[in-house]
Amino acid sequence: MFTVLVEPLSKLQLNEIEISLFYIIVIISSTIPDLSEKSKQKFSLLKQHYFSLLYNNIFCKIISNESSTTTTSNEASIQASVRAGHILILCSAITEMTHISSDNIQANNALQLLSMETWKIYQRIV
């Protein structure tokens, strides 16, 4: 988990706006079962909208940076695309870890390795 999520997140040094948009994209990107086609299209539009906000925020930050007076619009666009891409990759890492955690909980429930009643009795004995 450290190499997949924590380390890349710390290297990116996201500002507050990027963090907020990152959270929104993660929430919207999660799959919701039994959605109608119309709802799926709406979620797709929402994802595009918030990703566009993220990209434009990064692009404006790069352009307005005083030390990048020689940065052209194309270079700023490339830098913004790369940074936004890195952020989106982290969204998929969070989604993957969520699925793994959910699978572990479901496996534990399915196998019923130790029921809660048995655990309570064991605690009383010890």
C-alpha atoms as a PDB file:
ATOM      1  CA  MET A   1       0.000   0.000   0.000  1.00  0.00           C
ATOM      2  CA  PHE A   2       2.836   2.381   0.789  1.00  0.00           C
ATOM      3  CA  THR A   3       4.460   2.071  -2.626  1.00  0.00           C
ATOM      4  CA  VAL A   4       1.159   2.071  -4.506  1.00  0.00           C
ATOM      5  CA  LEU A   5      -0.598   4.975  -2.821  1.00  0.00           C
ATOM      6  CA  VAL A   6       1.084   6.761   0.078  1.00  0.00           C
ATOM      7  CA  GLU A   7       4.468   7.389  -1.514  1.00  0.00           C
ATOM      8  CA  PRO A   8       3.096   8.702  -4.849  1.00  0.00           C
ATOM      9  CA  LEU A   9       0.571  10.892  -3.015  1.00  0.00           C
ATOM     10  CA  SER A  10       3.290  12.491  -0.918  1.00  0.00           C
ATOM     11  CA  LYS A  11       5.467  13.063  -3.992  1.00  0.00           C
ATOM     12  CA  LEU A  12       2.637  14.883  -5.791  1.00  0.00           C
ATOM     13  CA  GLN A  13       2.193  17.390  -2.934  1.00  0.00           C
ATOM     14  CA  LEU A  14      -1.443  18.097  -3.787  1.00  0.00           C
ATOM     15  CA  ASN A  15      -2.902  21.457  -2.815  1.00  0.00           C
ATOM     16  CA  GLU A  16      -6.328  21.777  -1.162  1.00  0.00           C
ATOM     17  CA  ILE A  17      -8.226  22.204  -4.425  1.00  0.00           C
ATOM     18  CA  GLU A  18      -6.546  19.167  -5.973  1.00  0.00           C
ATOM     19  CA  ILE A  19      -7.267  17.091  -2.860  1.00  0.00           C
ATOM     20  CA  SER A  20     -10.947  18.087  -2.915  1.00  0.00           C
ATOM     21  CA  LEU A  21     -11.291  17.282  -6.611  1.00  0.00           C
ATOM     22  CA  PHE A  22      -9.357  14.052  -6.081  1.00  0.00           C
ATOM     23  CA  TYR A  23     -11.834  12.955  -3.379  1.00  0.00           C
ATOM     24  CA  ILE A  24     -14.807  13.843  -5.567  1.00  0.00           C
ATOM     25  CA  ILE A  25     -13.396  11.881  -8.511  1.00  0.00           C
ATOM     26  CA  VAL A  26     -12.729   8.853  -6.281  1.00  0.00           C
ATOM     27  CA  ILE A  27     -16.298   8.922  -4.960  1.00  0.00           C
ATOM     28  CA  ILE A  28     -17.833   9.353  -8.412  1.00  0.00           C
ATOM     29  CA  SER A  29     -15.575   6.701  -9.947  1.00  0.00           C
ATOM     30  CA  SER A  30     -16.754   3.953  -7.631  1.00  0.00           C
ATOM     31  CA  THR A  31     -19.092   1.508  -9.292  1.00  0.00           C
ATOM     32  CA  ILE A  32     -22.681   1.517  -8.144  1.00  0.00           C
ATOM     33  CA  PRO A  33     -24.665  -1.605  -8.999  1.00  0.00           C
ATOM     34  CA  ASP A  34     -28.078  -1.522 -10.668  1.00  0.00           C
ATOM     35  CA  LEU A  35     -27.836   1.967 -12.154  1.00  0.00           C
ATOM     36  CA  SER A  36     -29.963   2.804 -15.151  1.00  0.00           C
ATOM     37  CA  GLU A  37     -28.268   3.760 -18.405  1.00  0.00           C
ATOM     38  CA  LYS A  38     -29.340   7.370 -17.936  1.00  0.00           C
ATOM     39  CA  SER A  39     -27.752   7.451 -14.474  1.00  0.00           C
ATOM     40  CA  LYS A  40     -24.550   5.900 -15.821  1.00  0.00           C
ATOM     41  CA  GLN A  41     -24.397   8.636 -18.463  1.00  0.00           C
ATOM     42  CA  LYS A  42     -24.898  11.302 -15.793  1.00  0.00           C
ATOM     43  CA  PHE A  43     -22.072   9.843 -13.700  1.00  0.00           C
ATOM     44  CA  SER A  44     -19.868   9.773 -16.789  1.00  0.00           C
ATOM     45  CA  LEU A  45     -20.598  13.453 -17.412  1.00  0.00           C
ATOM     46  CA  LEU A  46     -19.844  14.234 -13.757  1.00  0.00           C
ATOM     47  CA  LYS A  47     -16.494  12.430 -13.992  1.00  0.00           C
ATOM     48  CA  GLN A  48     -15.605  14.386 -17.123  1.00  0.00           C
ATOM     49  CA  HIS A  49     -16.654  17.653 -15.490  1.00  0.00           C
ATOM     50  CA  TYR A  50     -14.595  17.179 -12.331  1.00  0.00           C
ATOM     51  CA  PHE A  51     -11.610  15.877 -14.258  1.00  0.00           C
ATOM     52  CA  SER A  52     -11.828  18.973 -16.467  1.00  0.00           C
ATOM     53  CA  LEU A  53     -11.883  21.138 -13.329  1.00  0.00           C
ATOM     54  CA  LEU A  54      -8.823  19.308 -12.012  1.00  0.00           C
ATOM     55  CA  TYR A  55      -6.947  19.693 -15.300  1.00  0.00           C
ATOM     56  CA  ASN A  56      -7.844  23.396 -15.651  1.00  0.00           C
ATOM     57  CA  ASN A  57      -6.783  24.070 -12.057  1.00  0.00           C
ATOM     58  CA  ILE A  58      -3.409  22.432 -12.656  1.00  0.00           C
ATOM     59  CA  PHE A  59      -2.983  24.187 -16.011  1.00  0.00           C
ATOM     60  CA  CYS A  60      -3.747  27.626 -14.532  1.00  0.00           C
ATOM     61  CA  LYS A  61      -1.380  26.949 -11.631  1.00  0.00           C
ATOM     62  CA  ILE A  62       1.432  26.118 -14.064  1.00  0.00           C
ATOM     63  CA  ILE A  63       0.747  29.143 -16.293  1.00  0.00           C
ATOM     64  CA  SER A  64       0.501  31.566 -13.359  1.00  0.00           C
ATOM     65  CA  ASN A  65       3.697  30.271 -11.762  1.00  0.00           C
ATOM     66  CA  GLU A  66       6.137  33.186 -11.790  1.00  0.00           C
ATOM     67  CA  SER A  67       9.170  30.985 -12.369  1.00  0.00           C
ATOM     68  CA  SER A  68       7.683  29.551 -15.554  1.00  0.00           C
ATOM     69  CA  THR A  69       7.697  32.726 -17.642  1.00  0.00           C
ATOM     70  CA  THR A  70       9.308  30.790 -20.480  1.00  0.00           C
ATOM     71  CA  THR A  71       6.746  27.971 -20.340  1.00  0.00           C
ATOM     72  CA  THR A  72       4.624  27.879 -23.465  1.00  0.00           C
ATOM     73  CA  SER A  73       0.973  26.948 -23.511  1.00  0.00           C
ATOM     74  CA  ASN A  74       1.800  23.572 -25.074  1.00  0.00           C
ATOM     75  CA  GLU A  75       4.403  22.777 -22.414  1.00  0.00           C
ATOM     76  CA  ALA A  76       1.985  23.782 -19.659  1.00  0.00           C
ATOM     77  CA  SER A  77      -0.694  21.597 -21.236  1.00  0.00           C
ATOM     78  CA  ILE A  78       1.665  18.617 -21.292  1.00  0.00           C
ATOM     79  CA  GLN A  79       2.720  19.181 -17.670  1.00  0.00           C
ATOM     80  CA  ALA A  80      -0.907  19.530 -16.571  1.00  0.00           C
ATOM     81  CA  SER A  81      -1.875  16.360 -18.445  1.00  0.00           C
ATOM     82  CA  VAL A  82       0.929  14.372 -16.822  1.00  0.00           C
ATOM     83  CA  ARG A  83       0.052  15.601 -13.316  1.00  0.00           C
ATOM     84  CA  ALA A  84      -3.673  14.961 -13.816  1.00  0.00           C
ATOM     85  CA  GLY A  85      -2.843  11.499 -15.167  1.00  0.00           C
ATOM     86  CA  HIS A  86      -0.793  10.685 -12.077  1.00  0.00           C
ATOM     87  CA  ILE A  87      -3.698  11.760  -9.881  1.00  0.00           C
ATOM     88  CA  LEU A  88      -6.131   9.568 -11.841  1.00  0.00           C
ATOM     89  CA  ILE A  89      -3.823   6.571 -11.486  1.00  0.00           C
ATOM     90  CA  LEU A  90      -4.016   7.047  -7.716  1.00  0.00           C
ATOM     91  CA  CYS A  91      -7.824   7.046  -7.975  1.00  0.00           C
ATOM     92  CA  SER A  92      -7.651   3.589  -9.513  1.00  0.00           C
ATOM     93  CA  ALA A  93      -5.262   2.456  -6.751  1.00  0.00           C
ATOM     94  CA  ILE A  94      -7.773   3.555  -4.103  1.00  0.00           C
ATOM     95  CA  THR A  95     -10.597   1.775  -5.925  1.00  0.00           C
ATOM     96  CA  GLU A  96      -8.507  -1.404  -6.152  1.00  0.00           C
ATOM     97  CA  MET A  97      -7.660  -1.316  -2.440  1.00  0.00           C
ATOM     98  CA  THR A  98     -11.336  -0.791  -1.614  1.00  0.00           C
ATOM     99  CA  HIS A  99     -12.262  -3.872  -3.615  1.00  0.00           C
ATOM    100  CA  ILE A 100      -9.528  -5.924  -1.925  1.00  0.00           C
ATOM    101  CA  SER A 101     -10.744  -4.860   1.535  1.00  0.00           C
ATOM    102  CA  SER A 102     -14.318  -5.670   0.608  1.00  0.00           C
ATOM    103  CA  ASP A 103     -13.271  -9.082  -0.711  1.00  0.00           C
ATOM    104  CA  ASN A 104     -11.436  -9.839   2.548  1.00  0.00           C
ATOM    105  CA  ILE A 105     -14.487  -8.952   4.629  1.00  0.00           C
ATOM    106  CA  GLN A 106     -16.769 -11.024   2.402  1.00  0.00           C
ATOM    107  CA  ALA A 107     -14.390 -13.992   2.544  1.00  0.00           C
ATOM    108  CA  ASN A 108     -14.283 -13.816   6.331  1.00  0.00           C
ATOM    109  CA  ASN A 109     -18.079 -13.682   6.494  1.00  0.00           C
ATOM    110  CA  ALA A 110     -18.442 -16.552   4.025  1.00  0.00           C
ATOM    111  CA  LEU A 111     -15.985 -18.812   5.809  1.00  0.00           C
ATOM    112  CA  GLN A 112     -17.282 -17.937   9.271  1.00  0.00           C
ATOM    113  CA  LEU A 113     -13.883 -18.699  10.707  1.00  0.00           C
ATOM    114  CA  LEU A 114     -14.878 -17.497  14.134  1.00  0.00           C
ATOM    115  CA  SER A 115     -18.399 -16.428  14.931  1.00  0.00           C
ATOM    116  CA  MET A 116     -18.959 -13.534  17.292  1.00  0.00           C
ATOM    117  CA  GLU A 117     -20.733 -15.760  19.839  1.00  0.00           C
ATOM    118  CA  THR A 118     -17.794 -18.166  19.946  1.00  0.00           C
ATOM    119  CA  TRP A 119     -15.442 -15.226  20.347  1.00  0.00           C
ATOM    120  CA  LYS A 120     -17.475 -13.855  23.286  1.00  0.00           C
ATOM    121  CA  ILE A 121     -17.435 -17.260  25.023  1.00  0.00           C
ATOM    122  CA  TYR A 122     -13.681 -17.553  24.437  1.00  0.00           C
ATOM    123  CA  GLN A 123     -13.099 -14.103  25.961  1.00  0.00           C
ATOM    124  CA  ARG A 124     -15.045 -15.049  29.105  1.00  0.00           C
ATOM    125  CA  ILE A 125     -12.960 -18.188  29.580  1.00  0.00           C
ATOM    126  CA  VAL A 126      -9.655 -16.395  29.188  1.00  0.00           C
END
